[in-house]
Amino acid sequence: MIHLGTFTHTTNGFFGQITTFLMADDLSIVPNENRTSENAPDYRVLRGLEDDAAQVAAPGYGRMSASACGWPC
């Protein structure tokens, strides 16, 4: 199995590093506190330090309906 990164649980989410052949970056996975709708992601993935972090993804949903995932979830 390939090991790409290591994350540690912190008081406000997860913090860690991802290292691949093309990049080596610090990432944070934090709760999305500014959700504008019920369908908005529960978490955000940030690159860089918290003060200067840029959002790179918003993949996390705390729940998913069966119709959304295509399988019984």
Protein backbone atom coordinates (compact mmCIF):
# COMPACT_ATOMS: atom_id res chain seq x y z
CA MET A 1 0.00 0.00 0.00
CA ILE A 2 1.26 3.47 -0.87
CA HIS A 3 1.74 5.94 1.97
CA LEU A 4 1.09 9.49 0.72
CA GLY A 5 0.67 11.42 3.93
CA THR A 6 0.18 11.62 7.65
CA PHE A 7 -2.55 13.54 9.48
CA THR A 8 -3.04 14.32 13.15
CA HIS A 9 -6.33 15.18 14.84
CA THR A 10 -6.22 18.72 16.28
CA THR A 11 -8.76 20.79 18.20
CA ASN A 12 -10.15 22.30 14.98
CA GLY A 13 -9.85 19.43 12.48
CA PHE A 14 -6.92 17.51 11.06
CA PHE A 15 -3.44 18.73 10.06
CA GLY A 16 -0.81 16.87 8.09
CA GLN A 17 1.49 16.60 5.13
CA ILE A 18 1.02 14.94 1.75
CA THR A 19 4.09 14.00 -0.26
CA THR A 20 4.04 12.73 -3.84
CA PHE A 21 6.46 12.83 -6.73
CA LEU A 22 5.00 16.16 -7.83
CA MET A 23 4.24 17.93 -4.55
CA ALA A 24 4.92 18.12 -0.86
CA ASP A 25 2.44 20.30 1.01
CA ASP A 26 0.92 20.94 4.40
CA LEU A 27 -2.84 20.41 4.39
CA SER A 28 -5.61 21.03 6.90
CA ILE A 29 -9.03 19.40 6.91
CA VAL A 30 -11.33 21.70 8.87
CA PRO A 31 -15.08 21.90 9.49
CA ASN A 32 -16.91 24.22 7.11
CA GLU A 33 -18.26 26.82 9.52
CA ASN A 34 -19.70 29.00 6.73
CA ARG A 35 -22.14 26.54 5.18
CA THR A 36 -24.66 28.43 3.06
CA SER A 37 -27.01 25.49 2.50
CA GLU A 38 -27.76 22.02 3.79
CA ASN A 39 -26.07 20.56 0.68
CA ALA A 40 -22.76 22.36 1.29
CA PRO A 41 -19.76 20.21 2.31
CA ASP A 42 -19.17 19.63 6.02
CA TYR A 43 -15.38 19.97 5.68
CA ARG A 44 -12.85 22.04 3.70
CA VAL A 45 -9.31 21.08 2.64
CA LEU A 46 -6.85 23.96 2.99
CA ARG A 47 -3.29 24.21 1.67
CA GLY A 48 -0.70 26.19 3.62
CA LEU A 49 -0.67 27.82 7.01
CA GLU A 50 -4.02 28.73 8.59
CA ASP A 51 -3.52 32.49 8.22
CA ASP A 52 -2.57 32.26 4.52
CA ALA A 53 -4.37 29.02 3.63
CA ALA A 54 -6.04 28.54 0.27
CA GLN A 55 -8.96 26.16 -0.17
CA VAL A 56 -8.06 23.29 -2.49
CA ALA A 57 -11.11 21.04 -2.03
CA ALA A 58 -14.34 20.61 -0.13
CA PRO A 59 -14.88 16.85 -0.23
CA GLY A 60 -16.38 15.99 3.13
CA TYR A 61 -19.99 15.24 3.74
CA GLY A 62 -21.06 13.98 7.13
CA ARG A 63 -23.94 12.09 5.56
CA MET A 64 -25.00 10.95 2.12
CA SER A 65 -28.32 9.71 0.81
CA ALA A 66 -28.61 6.45 -1.07
CA SER A 67 -29.68 8.31 -4.20
CA ALA A 68 -26.55 10.50 -4.05
CA CYS A 69 -24.03 7.69 -3.72
CA GLY A 70 -25.74 5.19 -6.04
CA TRP A 71 -25.40 2.33 -3.52
CA PRO A 72 -26.86 1.66 -0.12
CA CYS A 73 -24.68 3.92 2.02
